[in-house]
Protein backbone atom coordinates (compact mmCIF):
# COMPACT_ATOMS: atom_id res chain seq x y z
CA MET A 1 -3.91 -14.62 -6.71
CA ALA A 2 -4.97 -11.39 -8.43
CA GLU A 3 -4.58 -9.76 -4.81
CA LEU A 4 -1.00 -10.71 -4.32
CA THR A 5 -0.38 -9.23 -7.90
CA ILE A 6 -1.98 -6.08 -6.43
CA ASP A 7 -0.09 -6.04 -3.28
CA LEU A 8 3.08 -6.38 -4.96
CA THR A 9 2.74 -3.86 -7.36
CA TYR A 10 1.88 -1.01 -5.22
CA GLY A 11 4.51 -2.24 -2.80
CA SER A 12 7.17 -2.10 -5.12
CA ALA A 13 6.12 1.01 -6.43
CA LEU A 14 6.07 2.40 -3.16
CA PHE A 15 9.68 0.97 -2.46
CA GLN A 16 10.95 2.62 -5.54
CA ALA A 17 9.61 5.96 -4.88
CA ALA A 18 11.03 5.87 -1.51
CA GLU A 19 14.18 4.80 -2.59
CA GLU A 20 14.65 7.60 -5.20
CA THR A 21 13.75 10.25 -2.57
CA GLY A 22 15.84 8.19 0.28
CA LYS A 23 12.93 8.00 2.62
CA ARG A 24 12.44 4.71 2.84
CA ASP A 25 12.28 4.18 6.45
CA LEU A 26 10.15 7.11 6.78
CA ILE A 27 7.41 6.06 4.66
CA LEU A 28 7.36 2.74 6.55
CA ASP A 29 7.37 4.27 9.90
CA GLU A 30 4.54 6.66 8.41
CA ALA A 31 2.89 3.84 7.19
CA CYS A 32 2.22 1.84 10.37
CA GLN A 33 0.88 5.02 11.97
CA VAL A 34 -1.69 5.05 9.20
CA LEU A 35 -2.49 1.46 9.39
CA GLY A 36 -2.70 2.22 13.14
CA ILE A 37 -5.24 4.80 12.95
CA PHE A 38 -7.13 2.87 10.55
CA GLU A 39 -7.50 0.10 13.20
CA GLN A 40 -8.48 2.77 16.27
CA GLU A 41 -10.89 4.41 13.90
CA PRO A 42 -12.97 1.79 12.05
CA GLU A 43 -15.48 4.27 11.18
CA PHE A 44 -12.67 6.45 9.28
CA TYR A 45 -11.40 3.44 7.42
CA ALA A 46 -14.88 2.36 6.71
CA PHE A 47 -15.83 5.88 4.98
CA ILE A 48 -12.30 5.62 2.92
CA ASN A 49 -13.80 1.59 1.75
CA TYR A 50 -17.27 2.78 1.04
CA PRO A 51 -17.91 2.61 -2.54
CA ALA A 52 -21.09 4.68 -2.68
CA ILE A 53 -18.81 7.85 -1.69
CA SER A 54 -17.14 9.50 -4.43
CA ALA A 55 -13.27 9.20 -4.73
CA GLU A 56 -12.88 13.13 -4.44
CA GLU A 57 -14.70 13.43 -1.31
CA LYS A 58 -12.52 10.63 0.34
CA LYS A 59 -9.22 12.14 -1.01
CA THR A 60 -10.72 15.71 0.24
CA VAL A 61 -10.86 13.96 3.78
CA LEU A 62 -7.60 12.33 3.31
CA LYS A 63 -6.02 15.57 2.33
CA GLN A 64 -7.09 17.04 5.85
CA VAL A 65 -6.52 14.06 8.11
CA PHE A 66 -3.11 13.35 6.54
CA GLU A 67 -1.63 16.34 4.56
CA GLY A 68 1.36 17.79 6.37
CA ARG A 69 1.55 14.88 8.75
CA ILE A 70 2.97 12.07 6.31
CA CYS A 71 4.89 12.64 3.31
CA LYS A 72 3.69 13.09 -0.01
CA GLU A 73 4.63 9.99 -1.51
CA LEU A 74 2.28 7.91 0.93
CA LEU A 75 -0.36 10.23 0.43
CA ASN A 76 -0.33 10.08 -3.15
CA LEU A 77 -0.35 6.13 -2.88
CA LEU A 78 -3.56 6.89 -0.93
CA TYR A 79 -4.69 9.02 -3.55
CA VAL A 80 -4.33 6.23 -6.20
CA LEU A 81 -5.67 3.31 -3.99
CA VAL A 82 -8.91 5.44 -3.87
CA ASP A 83 -8.98 6.37 -7.32
CA LYS A 84 -8.35 2.73 -8.29
CA GLY A 85 -10.97 1.00 -5.34
CA ARG A 86 -8.11 -0.89 -3.83
CA THR A 87 -8.42 0.85 -0.41
CA LEU A 88 -8.86 -2.30 1.33
CA HIS A 89 -5.50 -3.72 0.15
CA PHE A 90 -3.71 -0.95 1.92
CA SER A 91 -2.45 -3.25 4.91
CA ARG A 92 -1.28 -6.02 2.48
CA ILE A 93 0.67 -3.43 0.33
CA ILE A 94 2.44 -2.24 3.29
CA LYS A 95 3.38 -5.77 4.34
CA ALA A 96 5.14 -5.95 1.10
CA TYR A 97 6.50 -2.66 1.71
CA ARG A 98 7.80 -3.95 4.70
CA GLU A 99 9.05 -7.18 3.35
CA MET A 100 11.01 -5.22 0.44
CA VAL A 101 12.64 -3.09 3.04
CA ASN A 102 13.43 -6.13 5.33
CA HIS A 103 15.32 -8.11 2.62
CA GLU A 104 16.96 -5.08 1.41
CA ASP A 105 18.43 -4.56 4.75
CA GLY A 106 19.20 -8.42 4.98
CA PHE A 107 16.27 -9.00 7.54
CA SER A 108 13.44 -12.28 7.12
CA TYR A 109 10.74 -11.63 9.33
CA GLY A 110 9.21 -14.82 11.12
CA THR A 111 6.71 -15.67 14.00
CA VAL A 112 7.41 -17.92 17.26
CA TYR A 113 4.49 -19.79 18.37
CA SER A 114 4.28 -20.11 21.77
CA VAL A 115 1.60 -20.94 24.87
CA GLU A 116 2.57 -17.67 27.12
CA PRO A 117 3.40 -14.41 25.56
CA LEU A 118 7.51 -14.12 25.72
CA ASN A 119 9.26 -11.39 27.25
CA PRO A 120 11.60 -9.28 25.08
CA GLY A 121 14.40 -11.08 26.62
CA GLN A 122 13.31 -14.34 25.48
CA LEU A 123 12.38 -13.25 22.19
CA THR A 124 15.48 -11.49 21.46
CA LYS A 125 17.85 -14.84 22.62
CA LEU A 126 15.01 -16.71 20.25
CA GLU A 127 15.81 -14.28 17.37
CA THR A 128 19.69 -14.56 18.01
CA GLN A 129 19.58 -18.51 17.92
CA THR A 130 17.53 -18.59 14.98
CA SER A 131 19.53 -16.01 12.82
CA SER A 132 22.41 -18.24 13.97
CA LEU A 133 20.90 -21.27 12.89
CA LEU A 134 19.75 -19.92 9.55
CA ARG A 135 22.54 -17.73 9.02
CA LYS A 136 20.30 -14.52 8.24
CA ASN A 137 19.21 -11.98 10.44
CA VAL A 138 15.84 -13.02 11.88
CA ARG A 139 13.12 -10.51 13.72
CA LEU A 140 10.27 -12.71 15.39
CA GLU A 141 7.08 -11.72 16.33
CA ASN A 142 5.55 -13.83 19.25
CA LYS A 143 1.87 -15.21 18.38
CA LEU A 144 0.10 -17.28 21.32
CA ASP A 145 -0.82 -21.08 20.18
CA PRO A 146 -2.35 -22.97 22.86
CA LYS A 147 -2.56 -26.06 20.63
CA ILE A 148 1.34 -26.61 20.97
CA MET A 149 0.83 -27.41 24.71
CA GLY A 150 4.26 -25.95 25.39
CA GLY A 151 7.53 -25.28 23.94
CA ILE A 152 7.73 -23.04 21.06
CA LYS A 153 7.49 -23.35 17.06
CA VAL A 154 9.02 -20.67 14.78
CA LEU A 155 8.27 -20.28 11.37
CA VAL A 156 10.70 -18.27 9.21
CA ASP A 157 10.72 -18.15 4.97
CA GLY A 158 8.79 -21.42 5.12
CA ARG A 159 10.89 -23.04 7.39
CA ILE A 160 9.68 -24.89 11.18
CA ILE A 161 11.45 -25.04 13.99
CA ASP A 162 8.96 -27.16 16.33
CA ALA A 163 10.42 -27.52 19.57
CA SER A 164 6.65 -27.46 21.08
CA ILE A 165 5.25 -30.70 23.68
CA ARG A 166 2.70 -31.53 21.02
CA LYS A 167 5.47 -32.32 18.24
CA ARG A 168 7.22 -34.65 20.95
CA PHE A 169 4.20 -36.37 21.81
CA GLU A 170 3.50 -36.80 17.88
CA ASP A 171 7.16 -37.93 17.56
CA LEU A 172 6.88 -40.48 20.38
CA GLU A 173 3.14 -41.73 19.00
CA SER A 174 5.26 -42.49 15.70
CA LYS A 175 7.68 -44.44 17.36
CA LEU A 176 5.15 -46.20 19.32
CA ILE A 177 3.12 -47.46 16.31
């Protein structure tokens, strides 16, 4: 629970700074790029999170790598996270920030589960249908789940739309019993 508070606190602070400076979308784009770098360079990310390395040394390296490449608000967030020993929370903080941006723009994010990857056209069609059904703008991310056997299952804002073959079998089983 404390982790959720950390994520929302820092995400909210970043959102306020972004709103004040008019860099909301820029910060989101750059934060996603930083996350990508952390994923592509696990040794670099491990260095940033290693507790035996001083905060000053970590901040020096962050400055060398990111100064002039990302906005100062995002770099300052990284510095604060280093000082507080909370760099492991960076991805969740950015997730909270992204949710705030989407909420402000009137979007809800969801996940569509399928057995095979959906092509962009199918995903767009599902987003349109789900948006119409829920009466809000929905953006979907496709994740694979072989347990559903076929069809799809959509999860948006705690709501489930289950059009999977597995669900149909479960419904049939309950009717037979």
